[in-house]
C-alpha atoms as a PDB file:
ATOM      1  CA  UNK A   1      19.075 297.300  51.900  1.00  0.00           C
ATOM      2  CA  UNK A   2      22.664 295.965  52.431  1.00  0.00           C
ATOM      3  CA  UNK A   3      23.127 292.213  52.794  1.00  0.00           C
ATOM      4  CA  UNK A   4      25.680 291.620  55.463  1.00  0.00           C
ATOM      5  CA  UNK A   5      27.608 288.362  54.664  1.00  0.00           C
ATOM      6  CA  UNK A   6      29.851 285.935  56.558  1.00  0.00           C
ATOM      7  CA  UNK A   7      32.145 283.629  54.559  1.00  0.00           C
ATOM      8  CA  UNK A   8      33.184 280.323  56.059  1.00  0.00           C
ATOM      9  CA  UNK A   9      36.127 278.644  54.449  1.00  0.00           C
ATOM     10  CA  UNK A  10      38.552 281.310  53.220  1.00  0.00           C
ATOM     11  CA  UNK A  11      40.558 278.959  50.961  1.00  0.00           C
ATOM     12  CA  UNK A  12      41.108 279.046  47.214  1.00  0.00           C
ATOM     13  CA  UNK A  13      37.371 279.025  46.350  1.00  0.00           C
ATOM     14  CA  UNK A  14      36.294 281.200  49.194  1.00  0.00           C
ATOM     15  CA  UNK A  15      38.544 283.988  47.935  1.00  0.00           C
ATOM     16  CA  UNK A  16      36.849 283.741  44.536  1.00  0.00           C
ATOM     17  CA  UNK A  17      33.570 284.511  46.203  1.00  0.00           C
ATOM     18  CA  UNK A  18      35.106 287.371  48.242  1.00  0.00           C
ATOM     19  CA  UNK A  19      36.487 288.851  44.899  1.00  0.00           C
ATOM     20  CA  UNK A  20      33.003 288.653  43.389  1.00  0.00           C
ATOM     21  CA  UNK A  21      31.245 290.094  46.370  1.00  0.00           C
ATOM     22  CA  UNK A  22      33.420 293.242  46.210  1.00  0.00           C
ATOM     23  CA  UNK A  23      31.864 294.084  42.804  1.00  0.00           C
ATOM     24  CA  UNK A  24      28.209 293.778  44.042  1.00  0.00           C
ATOM     25  CA  UNK A  25      26.361 296.832  45.331  1.00  0.00           C
ATOM     26  CA  UNK A  26      24.623 296.137  48.541  1.00  0.00           C
ATOM     27  CA  UNK A  27      26.803 293.220  49.507  1.00  0.00           C
ATOM     28  CA  UNK A  28      28.919 293.833  52.690  1.00  0.00           C
ATOM     29  CA  UNK A  29      31.547 291.383  53.851  1.00  0.00           C
ATOM     30  CA  UNK A  30      31.304 291.256  57.594  1.00  0.00           C
ATOM     31  CA  UNK A  31      32.934 288.127  58.863  1.00  0.00           C
ATOM     32  CA  UNK A  32      35.528 285.612  57.742  1.00  0.00           C
ATOM     33  CA  UNK A  33      35.668 282.118  59.321  1.00  0.00           C
ATOM     34  CA  UNK A  34      38.623 279.903  58.491  1.00  0.00           C
ATOM     35  CA  UNK A  35      40.475 276.877  59.829  1.00  0.00           C
ATOM     36  CA  UNK A  36      43.181 279.013  61.620  1.00  0.00           C
ATOM     37  CA  UNK A  37      42.859 282.303  63.364  1.00  0.00           C
ATOM     38  CA  UNK A  38      45.800 283.745  61.416  1.00  0.00           C
ATOM     39  CA  UNK A  39      44.325 282.930  58.060  1.00  0.00           C
ATOM     40  CA  UNK A  40      40.894 284.285  59.024  1.00  0.00           C
ATOM     41  CA  UNK A  41      42.368 287.485  60.314  1.00  0.00           C
ATOM     42  CA  UNK A  42      44.559 288.012  57.294  1.00  0.00           C
ATOM     43  CA  UNK A  43      41.745 287.400  54.823  1.00  0.00           C
ATOM     44  CA  UNK A  44      39.430 289.686  56.974  1.00  0.00           C
ATOM     45  CA  UNK A  45      41.951 292.519  56.691  1.00  0.00           C
ATOM     46  CA  UNK A  46      42.315 292.061  53.054  1.00  0.00           C
ATOM     47  CA  UNK A  47      38.649 292.260  52.288  1.00  0.00           C
ATOM     48  CA  UNK A  48      37.622 294.762  54.961  1.00  0.00           C
ATOM     49  CA  UNK A  49      35.653 292.438  57.216  1.00  0.00           C
ATOM     50  CA  UNK A  50      35.364 293.606  60.865  1.00  0.00           C
ATOM     51  CA  UNK A  51      35.187 290.091  62.293  1.00  0.00           C
ATOM     52  CA  UNK A  52      37.070 286.919  62.034  1.00  0.00           C
ATOM     53  CA  UNK A  53      37.078 283.586  63.766  1.00  0.00           C
ATOM     54  CA  UNK A  54      37.691 279.884  63.426  1.00  0.00           C
ATOM     55  CA  UNK A  55      34.058 278.995  64.589  1.00  0.00           C
ATOM     56  CA  UNK A  56      31.090 279.422  62.353  1.00  0.00           C
ATOM     57  CA  UNK A  57      28.934 279.701  65.530  1.00  0.00           C
ATOM     58  CA  UNK A  58      30.613 282.998  66.345  1.00  0.00           C
ATOM     59  CA  UNK A  59      29.467 284.474  63.024  1.00  0.00           C
ATOM     60  CA  UNK A  60      25.877 282.937  63.358  1.00  0.00           C
ATOM     61  CA  UNK A  61      25.506 284.687  66.735  1.00  0.00           C
ATOM     62  CA  UNK A  62      26.222 288.156  65.357  1.00  0.00           C
ATOM     63  CA  UNK A  63      23.362 290.564  64.777  1.00  0.00           C
ATOM     64  CA  UNK A  64      25.164 292.184  61.811  1.00  0.00           C
ATOM     65  CA  UNK A  65      25.224 289.008  59.757  1.00  0.00           C
ATOM     66  CA  UNK A  66      22.256 288.399  57.538  1.00  0.00           C
ATOM     67  CA  UNK A  67      23.647 285.501  55.247  1.00  0.00           C
ATOM     68  CA  UNK A  68      26.392 283.098  55.030  1.00  0.00           C
ATOM     69  CA  UNK A  69      28.409 281.622  52.183  1.00  0.00           C
ATOM     70  CA  UNK A  70      29.699 278.186  52.994  1.00  0.00           C
ATOM     71  CA  UNK A  71      33.050 277.205  51.166  1.00  0.00           C
ATOM     72  CA  UNK A  72      33.864 274.584  53.788  1.00  0.00           C
ATOM     73  CA  UNK A  73      34.747 270.892  53.287  1.00  0.00           C
ATOM     74  CA  UNK A  74      32.059 268.814  51.605  1.00  0.00           C
ATOM     75  CA  UNK A  75      31.407 266.734  54.609  1.00  0.00           C
ATOM     76  CA  UNK A  76      30.367 269.855  56.670  1.00  0.00           C
ATOM     77  CA  UNK A  77      27.924 271.383  54.056  1.00  0.00           C
ATOM     78  CA  UNK A  78      24.604 269.917  55.130  1.00  0.00           C
ATOM     79  CA  UNK A  79      25.008 270.352  58.936  1.00  0.00           C
ATOM     80  CA  UNK A  80      26.446 273.828  58.555  1.00  0.00           C
ATOM     81  CA  UNK A  81      23.605 274.976  56.088  1.00  0.00           C
ATOM     82  CA  UNK A  82      20.997 273.682  58.624  1.00  0.00           C
ATOM     83  CA  UNK A  83      22.783 275.465  61.479  1.00  0.00           C
ATOM     84  CA  UNK A  84      22.811 278.743  59.443  1.00  0.00           C
ATOM     85  CA  UNK A  85      19.103 278.501  58.827  1.00  0.00           C
ATOM     86  CA  UNK A  86      18.349 277.570  62.476  1.00  0.00           C
ATOM     87  CA  UNK A  87      20.247 280.840  63.419  1.00  0.00           C
ATOM     88  CA  UNK A  88      17.942 282.784  61.117  1.00  0.00           C
ATOM     89  CA  UNK A  89      20.560 283.382  58.384  1.00  0.00           C
ATOM     90  CA  UNK A  90      20.162 283.000  54.632  1.00  0.00           C
ATOM     91  CA  UNK A  91      22.775 280.646  53.289  1.00  0.00           C
ATOM     92  CA  UNK A  92      24.562 279.773  50.008  1.00  0.00           C
ATOM     93  CA  UNK A  93      26.289 276.359  50.113  1.00  0.00           C
ATOM     94  CA  UNK A  94      29.108 275.724  47.751  1.00  0.00           C
ATOM     95  CA  UNK A  95      28.635 272.621  45.600  1.00  0.00           C
ATOM     96  CA  UNK A  96      27.990 269.934  46.654  1.00  0.00           C
ATOM     97  CA  UNK A  97      24.952 270.415  48.838  1.00  0.00           C
ATOM     98  CA  UNK A  98      25.764 267.287  50.670  1.00  0.00           C
ATOM     99  CA  UNK A  99      27.410 263.939  50.389  1.00  0.00           C
ATOM    100  CA  UNK A 100      24.286 261.851  50.944  1.00  0.00           C
ATOM    101  CA  UNK A 101      20.736 261.946  49.732  1.00  0.00           C
ATOM    102  CA  UNK A 102      19.357 261.972  53.254  1.00  0.00           C
ATOM    103  CA  UNK A 103      21.382 265.054  54.201  1.00  0.00           C
ATOM    104  CA  UNK A 104      20.263 266.804  50.994  1.00  0.00           C
ATOM    105  CA  UNK A 105      16.664 266.181  51.862  1.00  0.00           C
ATOM    106  CA  UNK A 106      17.255 267.425  55.452  1.00  0.00           C
ATOM    107  CA  UNK A 107      18.544 270.774  54.017  1.00  0.00           C
ATOM    108  CA  UNK A 108      15.605 271.258  51.895  1.00  0.00           C
ATOM    109  CA  UNK A 109      13.266 270.445  54.807  1.00  0.00           C
ATOM    110  CA  UNK A 110      14.952 273.070  56.922  1.00  0.00           C
ATOM    111  CA  UNK A 111      14.729 275.654  54.116  1.00  0.00           C
ATOM    112  CA  UNK A 112      10.900 275.067  53.817  1.00  0.00           C
ATOM    113  CA  UNK A 113      10.427 275.153  57.578  1.00  0.00           C
ATOM    114  CA  UNK A 114      12.322 278.432  57.911  1.00  0.00           C
ATOM    115  CA  UNK A 115      11.442 280.244  54.677  1.00  0.00           C
ATOM    116  CA  UNK A 116      15.024 281.508  54.365  1.00  0.00           C
ATOM    117  CA  UNK A 117      16.938 281.736  51.204  1.00  0.00           C
ATOM    118  CA  UNK A 118      18.929 278.558  50.553  1.00  0.00           C
ATOM    119  CA  UNK A 119      20.984 278.436  47.418  1.00  0.00           C
ATOM    120  CA  UNK A 120      23.636 275.978  46.312  1.00  0.00           C
ATOM    121  CA  UNK A 121      26.698 276.912  44.217  1.00  0.00           C
ATOM    122  CA  UNK A 122      25.896 275.312  40.884  1.00  0.00           C
ATOM    123  CA  UNK A 123      27.972 277.740  38.995  1.00  0.00           C
ATOM    124  CA  UNK A 124      27.414 276.360  35.605  1.00  0.00           C
ATOM    125  CA  UNK A 125      23.880 277.792  35.727  1.00  0.00           C
ATOM    126  CA  UNK A 126      25.433 281.183  35.778  1.00  0.00           C
ATOM    127  CA  UNK A 127      28.485 281.006  33.445  1.00  0.00           C
ATOM    128  CA  UNK A 128      27.727 283.300  30.444  1.00  0.00           C
ATOM    129  CA  UNK A 129      28.593 280.390  28.116  1.00  0.00           C
ATOM    130  CA  UNK A 130      25.889 278.023  29.521  1.00  0.00           C
ATOM    131  CA  UNK A 131      23.494 281.031  29.871  1.00  0.00           C
ATOM    132  CA  UNK A 132      23.780 281.685  26.177  1.00  0.00           C
ATOM    133  CA  UNK A 133      22.828 278.027  25.472  1.00  0.00           C
ATOM    134  CA  UNK A 134      20.079 278.126  27.995  1.00  0.00           C
ATOM    135  CA  UNK A 135      18.616 281.264  26.408  1.00  0.00           C
ATOM    136  CA  UNK A 136      18.617 279.623  23.068  1.00  0.00           C
ATOM    137  CA  UNK A 137      16.790 276.611  24.397  1.00  0.00           C
ATOM    138  CA  UNK A 138      14.119 278.741  26.184  1.00  0.00           C
ATOM    139  CA  UNK A 139      13.557 280.556  22.953  1.00  0.00           C
ATOM    140  CA  UNK A 140      12.955 277.358  21.037  1.00  0.00           C
ATOM    141  CA  UNK A 141      15.994 277.945  18.820  1.00  0.00           C
ATOM    142  CA  UNK A 142      18.180 274.928  20.121  1.00  0.00           C
ATOM    143  CA  UNK A 143      17.310 271.497  21.526  1.00  0.00           C
ATOM    144  CA  UNK A 144      20.072 269.263  23.040  1.00  0.00           C
ATOM    145  CA  UNK A 145      20.591 265.897  21.532  1.00  0.00           C
ATOM    146  CA  UNK A 146      23.696 265.072  23.386  1.00  0.00           C
ATOM    147  CA  UNK A 147      26.096 266.609  25.868  1.00  0.00           C
ATOM    148  CA  UNK A 148      29.698 265.240  25.999  1.00  0.00           C
ATOM    149  CA  UNK A 149      31.543 266.472  29.058  1.00  0.00           C
ATOM    150  CA  UNK A 150      34.995 266.009  30.282  1.00  0.00           C
ATOM    151  CA  UNK A 151      36.074 266.969  33.844  1.00  0.00           C
ATOM    152  CA  UNK A 152      39.769 266.425  34.295  1.00  0.00           C
ATOM    153  CA  UNK A 153      42.269 267.276  37.112  1.00  0.00           C
ATOM    154  CA  UNK A 154      45.680 266.116  38.145  1.00  0.00           C
ATOM    155  CA  UNK A 155      45.201 265.457  41.910  1.00  0.00           C
ATOM    156  CA  UNK A 156      47.053 262.292  42.956  1.00  0.00           C
ATOM    157  CA  UNK A 157      47.767 264.029  46.206  1.00  0.00           C
ATOM    158  CA  UNK A 158      45.254 265.783  48.478  1.00  0.00           C
ATOM    159  CA  UNK A 159      45.663 269.270  47.209  1.00  0.00           C
ATOM    160  CA  UNK A 160      43.391 272.211  46.551  1.00  0.00           C
ATOM    161  CA  UNK A 161      43.198 274.524  43.562  1.00  0.00           C
ATOM    162  CA  UNK A 162      46.185 276.450  44.733  1.00  0.00           C
ATOM    163  CA  UNK A 163      48.373 273.379  45.130  1.00  0.00           C
ATOM    164  CA  UNK A 164      48.125 273.610  48.888  1.00  0.00           C
ATOM    165  CA  UNK A 165      47.492 270.517  51.073  1.00  0.00           C
ATOM    166  CA  UNK A 166      43.740 269.883  51.791  1.00  0.00           C
ATOM    167  CA  UNK A 167      42.353 269.000  55.145  1.00  0.00           C
ATOM    168  CA  UNK A 168      39.578 266.890  53.494  1.00  0.00           C
ATOM    169  CA  UNK A 169      39.109 264.558  50.531  1.00  0.00           C
ATOM    170  CA  UNK A 170      37.398 265.638  47.330  1.00  0.00           C
ATOM    171  CA  UNK A 171      35.077 263.355  45.507  1.00  0.00           C
ATOM    172  CA  UNK A 172      34.437 262.932  41.763  1.00  0.00           C
ATOM    173  CA  UNK A 173      30.818 261.861  41.994  1.00  0.00           C
ATOM    174  CA  UNK A 174      29.398 263.955  44.940  1.00  0.00           C
ATOM    175  CA  UNK A 175      31.304 267.031  44.010  1.00  0.00           C
ATOM    176  CA  UNK A 176      32.476 267.341  40.334  1.00  0.00           C
ATOM    177  CA  UNK A 177      29.848 265.269  38.764  1.00  0.00           C
ATOM    178  CA  UNK A 178      27.223 267.267  40.419  1.00  0.00           C
ATOM    179  CA  UNK A 179      28.116 270.326  38.218  1.00  0.00           C
ATOM    180  CA  UNK A 180      27.278 268.435  35.041  1.00  0.00           C
ATOM    181  CA  UNK A 181      24.289 266.378  36.359  1.00  0.00           C
ATOM    182  CA  UNK A 182      22.564 269.521  37.445  1.00  0.00           C
ATOM    183  CA  UNK A 183      23.478 271.477  34.312  1.00  0.00           C
ATOM    184  CA  UNK A 184      22.217 268.661  32.041  1.00  0.00           C
ATOM    185  CA  UNK A 185      18.843 268.562  33.806  1.00  0.00           C
ATOM    186  CA  UNK A 186      18.668 272.437  33.789  1.00  0.00           C
ATOM    187  CA  UNK A 187      19.383 272.424  29.956  1.00  0.00           C
ATOM    188  CA  UNK A 188      17.634 269.228  28.861  1.00  0.00           C
ATOM    189  CA  UNK A 189      14.958 268.239  31.426  1.00  0.00           C
ATOM    190  CA  UNK A 190      14.560 265.894  34.421  1.00  0.00           C
ATOM    191  CA  UNK A 191      16.880 262.948  34.367  1.00  0.00           C
ATOM    192  CA  UNK A 192      15.199 259.615  33.960  1.00  0.00           C
ATOM    193  CA  UNK A 193      18.048 257.143  33.499  1.00  0.00           C
ATOM    194  CA  UNK A 194      21.603 257.134  34.980  1.00  0.00           C
ATOM    195  CA  UNK A 195      24.464 254.699  34.858  1.00  0.00           C
ATOM    196  CA  UNK A 196      28.036 254.881  36.265  1.00  0.00           C
ATOM    197  CA  UNK A 197      31.335 252.931  36.325  1.00  0.00           C
ATOM    198  CA  UNK A 198      34.403 253.914  38.393  1.00  0.00           C
ATOM    199  CA  UNK A 199      38.030 252.905  38.307  1.00  0.00           C
ATOM    200  CA  UNK A 200      40.434 251.800  41.036  1.00  0.00           C
ATOM    201  CA  UNK A 201      40.559 253.445  44.393  1.00  0.00           C
ATOM    202  CA  UNK A 202      43.593 255.507  45.306  1.00  0.00           C
ATOM    203  CA  UNK A 203      45.449 253.546  47.966  1.00  0.00           C
ATOM    204  CA  UNK A 204      45.755 256.424  50.292  1.00  0.00           C
ATOM    205  CA  UNK A 205      42.846 258.759  49.566  1.00  0.00           C
ATOM    206  CA  UNK A 206      40.349 255.843  49.273  1.00  0.00           C
ATOM    207  CA  UNK A 207      38.351 257.439  46.436  1.00  0.00           C
ATOM    208  CA  UNK A 208      37.868 256.424  42.793  1.00  0.00           C
ATOM    209  CA  UNK A 209      40.246 258.424  40.633  1.00  0.00           C
ATOM    210  CA  UNK A 210      38.379 257.865  37.341  1.00  0.00           C
ATOM    211  CA  UNK A 211      34.727 257.633  36.592  1.00  0.00           C
ATOM    212  CA  UNK A 212      32.301 257.438  33.641  1.00  0.00           C
ATOM    213  CA  UNK A 213      28.627 258.520  33.876  1.00  0.00           C
ATOM    214  CA  UNK A 214      25.805 258.268  31.400  1.00  0.00           C
ATOM    215  CA  UNK A 215      22.478 260.149  31.696  1.00  0.00           C
ATOM    216  CA  UNK A 216      19.284 260.447  29.721  1.00  0.00           C
ATOM    217  CA  UNK A 217      16.738 263.203  30.285  1.00  0.00           C
ATOM    218  CA  UNK A 218      12.907 263.182  29.892  1.00  0.00           C
ATOM    219  CA  UNK A 219      13.309 264.797  26.530  1.00  0.00           C
ATOM    220  CA  UNK A 220      15.337 261.959  25.128  1.00  0.00           C
ATOM    221  CA  UNK A 221      18.661 263.801  25.298  1.00  0.00           C
ATOM    222  CA  UNK A 222      21.688 261.932  26.426  1.00  0.00           C
ATOM    223  CA  UNK A 223      24.942 262.967  28.287  1.00  0.00           C
ATOM    224  CA  UNK A 224      28.230 261.264  28.600  1.00  0.00           C
ATOM    225  CA  UNK A 225      30.412 262.514  31.376  1.00  0.00           C
ATOM    226  CA  UNK A 226      34.051 261.448  31.898  1.00  0.00           C
ATOM    227  CA  UNK A 227      35.930 262.460  35.076  1.00  0.00           C
ATOM    228  CA  UNK A 228      39.526 261.949  36.305  1.00  0.00           C
ATOM    229  CA  UNK A 229      41.935 262.964  38.973  1.00  0.00           C
ATOM    230  CA  UNK A 230      44.713 261.135  37.128  1.00  0.00           C
ATOM    231  CA  UNK A 231      44.811 263.357  33.955  1.00  0.00           C
ATOM    232  CA  UNK A 232      48.238 264.999  33.485  1.00  0.00           C
ATOM    233  CA  UNK A 233      47.187 267.210  30.585  1.00  0.00           C
ATOM    234  CA  UNK A 234      44.746 270.043  29.842  1.00  0.00           C
ATOM    235  CA  UNK A 235      42.862 270.639  33.063  1.00  0.00           C
ATOM    236  CA  UNK A 236      39.252 271.731  33.687  1.00  0.00           C
ATOM    237  CA  UNK A 237      35.764 270.931  32.450  1.00  0.00           C
ATOM    238  CA  UNK A 238      34.799 271.030  28.845  1.00  0.00           C
ATOM    239  CA  UNK A 239      31.234 270.794  27.617  1.00  0.00           C
ATOM    240  CA  UNK A 240      30.221 269.929  24.074  1.00  0.00           C
ATOM    241  CA  UNK A 241      26.567 270.641  23.387  1.00  0.00           C
ATOM    242  CA  UNK A 242      25.283 268.746  20.254  1.00  0.00           C
ATOM    243  CA  UNK A 243      21.818 269.965  19.300  1.00  0.00           C
ATOM    244  CA  UNK A 244      19.294 269.937  16.451  1.00  0.00           C
ATOM    245  CA  UNK A 245      20.509 273.260  14.968  1.00  0.00           C
ATOM    246  CA  UNK A 246      24.054 273.936  16.205  1.00  0.00           C
ATOM    247  CA  UNK A 247      27.061 272.589  18.175  1.00  0.00           C
ATOM    248  CA  UNK A 248      28.636 274.591  21.082  1.00  0.00           C
ATOM    249  CA  UNK A 249      31.786 273.973  23.101  1.00  0.00           C
ATOM    250  CA  UNK A 250      31.853 275.667  26.497  1.00  0.00           C
ATOM    251  CA  UNK A 251      35.024 276.239  28.513  1.00  0.00           C
ATOM    252  CA  UNK A 252      34.046 277.782  31.674  1.00  0.00           C
ATOM    253  CA  UNK A 253      32.943 281.378  30.656  1.00  0.00           C
ATOM    254  CA  UNK A 254      34.080 281.030  27.062  1.00  0.00           C
ATOM    255  CA  UNK A 255      31.937 279.544  24.140  1.00  0.00           C
ATOM    256  CA  UNK A 256      32.858 278.582  20.597  1.00  0.00           C
ATOM    257  CA  UNK A 257      30.838 276.877  17.854  1.00  0.00           C
ATOM    258  CA  UNK A 258      31.707 273.451  16.480  1.00  0.00           C
ATOM    259  CA  UNK A 259      34.293 275.087  14.049  1.00  0.00           C
ATOM    260  CA  UNK A 260      35.930 276.637  17.084  1.00  0.00           C
ATOM    261  CA  UNK A 261      34.805 280.111  16.092  1.00  0.00           C
ATOM    262  CA  UNK A 262      34.380 282.361  19.188  1.00  0.00           C
ATOM    263  CA  UNK A 263      30.889 283.367  20.177  1.00  0.00           C
ATOM    264  CA  UNK A 264      30.622 286.672  22.066  1.00  0.00           C
ATOM    265  CA  UNK A 265      28.945 286.114  25.392  1.00  0.00           C
ATOM    266  CA  UNK A 266      30.066 289.443  26.916  1.00  0.00           C
ATOM    267  CA  UNK A 267      26.620 290.933  26.834  1.00  0.00           C
ATOM    268  CA  UNK A 268      24.802 287.852  28.280  1.00  0.00           C
ATOM    269  CA  UNK A 269      25.073 289.284  31.801  1.00  0.00           C
ATOM    270  CA  UNK A 270      26.499 292.015  33.727  1.00  0.00           C
ATOM    271  CA  UNK A 271      29.766 290.164  34.315  1.00  0.00           C
ATOM    272  CA  UNK A 272      31.853 287.410  32.642  1.00  0.00           C
ATOM    273  CA  UNK A 273      32.582 285.833  36.056  1.00  0.00           C
ATOM    274  CA  UNK A 274      30.276 282.916  36.798  1.00  0.00           C
ATOM    275  CA  UNK A 275      31.009 282.934  40.599  1.00  0.00           C
ATOM    276  CA  UNK A 276      30.247 286.658  40.797  1.00  0.00           C
ATOM    277  CA  UNK A 277      26.997 286.191  38.910  1.00  0.00           C
ATOM    278  CA  UNK A 278      25.990 283.370  41.258  1.00  0.00           C
ATOM    279  CA  UNK A 279      26.663 285.704  44.241  1.00  0.00           C
ATOM    280  CA  UNK A 280      24.710 288.506  42.631  1.00  0.00           C
ATOM    281  CA  UNK A 281      21.811 286.014  42.293  1.00  0.00           C
ATOM    282  CA  UNK A 282      22.055 285.151  46.044  1.00  0.00           C
ATOM    283  CA  UNK A 283      22.146 288.817  47.177  1.00  0.00           C
ATOM    284  CA  UNK A 284      19.314 289.780  44.873  1.00  0.00           C
ATOM    285  CA  UNK A 285      17.113 286.916  45.997  1.00  0.00           C
ATOM    286  CA  UNK A 286      17.526 287.931  49.561  1.00  0.00           C
ATOM    287  CA  UNK A 287      16.771 291.651  48.922  1.00  0.00           C
ATOM    288  CA  UNK A 288      13.789 290.759  46.667  1.00  0.00           C
ATOM    289  CA  UNK A 289      12.536 288.020  48.878  1.00  0.00           C
ATOM    290  CA  UNK A 290      12.202 285.493  46.021  1.00  0.00           C
ATOM    291  CA  UNK A 291      13.525 282.017  45.199  1.00  0.00           C
ATOM    292  CA  UNK A 292      16.883 282.226  43.588  1.00  0.00           C
ATOM    293  CA  UNK A 293      18.039 280.296  40.528  1.00  0.00           C
ATOM    294  CA  UNK A 294      19.909 277.205  41.977  1.00  0.00           C
ATOM    295  CA  UNK A 295      17.838 277.138  45.058  1.00  0.00           C
ATOM    296  CA  UNK A 296      18.064 274.009  47.129  1.00  0.00           C
ATOM    297  CA  UNK A 297      14.588 272.969  45.873  1.00  0.00           C
ATOM    298  CA  UNK A 298      15.684 273.514  42.188  1.00  0.00           C
ATOM    299  CA  UNK A 299      18.959 271.503  42.401  1.00  0.00           C
ATOM    300  CA  UNK A 300      17.713 268.726  44.750  1.00  0.00           C
ATOM    301  CA  UNK A 301      16.915 266.281  41.958  1.00  0.00           C
ATOM    302  CA  UNK A 302      20.610 266.229  41.090  1.00  0.00           C
ATOM    303  CA  UNK A 303      21.381 264.757  44.479  1.00  0.00           C
ATOM    304  CA  UNK A 304      18.648 262.134  43.933  1.00  0.00           C
ATOM    305  CA  UNK A 305      20.517 260.956  40.813  1.00  0.00           C
ATOM    306  CA  UNK A 306      23.952 261.070  42.656  1.00  0.00           C
ATOM    307  CA  UNK A 307      22.555 259.174  45.607  1.00  0.00           C
ATOM    308  CA  UNK A 308      21.193 256.502  43.358  1.00  0.00           C
ATOM    309  CA  UNK A 309      24.360 256.146  41.501  1.00  0.00           C
ATOM    310  CA  UNK A 310      26.477 256.054  44.745  1.00  0.00           C
ATOM    311  CA  UNK A 311      24.173 253.284  46.163  1.00  0.00           C
ATOM    312  CA  UNK A 312      24.535 251.266  42.861  1.00  0.00           C
ATOM    313  CA  UNK A 313      28.285 251.552  42.903  1.00  0.00           C
ATOM    314  CA  UNK A 314      28.546 250.652  46.480  1.00  0.00           C
ATOM    315  CA  UNK A 315      26.446 247.674  45.901  1.00  0.00           C
ATOM    316  CA  UNK A 316      28.375 246.656  42.784  1.00  0.00           C
ATOM    317  CA  UNK A 317      31.864 247.214  44.130  1.00  0.00           C
ATOM    318  CA  UNK A 318      31.519 247.122  47.806  1.00  0.00           C
ATOM    319  CA  UNK A 319      32.560 250.780  48.100  1.00  0.00           C
ATOM    320  CA  UNK A 320      31.399 254.293  47.156  1.00  0.00           C
END
């Protein structure tokens, strides 16, 4: 059974999904939706898709589309995910699922109503580095005592990962913190306490450019997360796992121990590309008619935590 896929949002991250999909047997790229017709057509030609448009509704109306991957602006995610399921399409929503707790709950409700696959792009669950640690935890060989995480970018202007102007504004809490909040719960158990502080707002973007978050899980493990759009230095997200038996440092798909000695994670899964592995899970779940890892139901609690933090920050500072 081939899973015929439309991708909406053919920007920097959308192309990463398209590159991954080309490596997956049984995944067919049918339609490309993007902000301009020229971009949609060019990307469709590059990846062999037979349809392109600027309107997601055009893809949803097609009989040859089974599923949709949404790489659109954050503010569109919840409404578009619901529209996909209402059209009878399985959907994978890039992180974050939504930018409000109410919208996140609405997506889950629609998933349960339709019975369709609804997955959220929490890529950290799929990176081989984090899979290695998770497998150690499941085997009872490692228990997290603390996670120390740095998520650092240099984005004082509204640019995407390719350095191109963005049509929407990114957010440290609803987007970038969601990766770590979900991963911490995935690795250490449900989050039972959370605190956050944020720095000054950018005068034009209107968002906090620096943030600090503390978390505690039901197992007693703690997490400290530092985020910045002001960082003009090493970029990316770096995870330090401090456990009862080992220390690990994860940098995307790479893993070292506390002495910076490399750990071979090449045999953890069929690919070293976390986004490709994420898409493999999406396609496999549809074909096997099962719940995927990172389903909306599995990651929803992350958005409960974010929603609580956002409400507290808004009450404390007068803005979110």
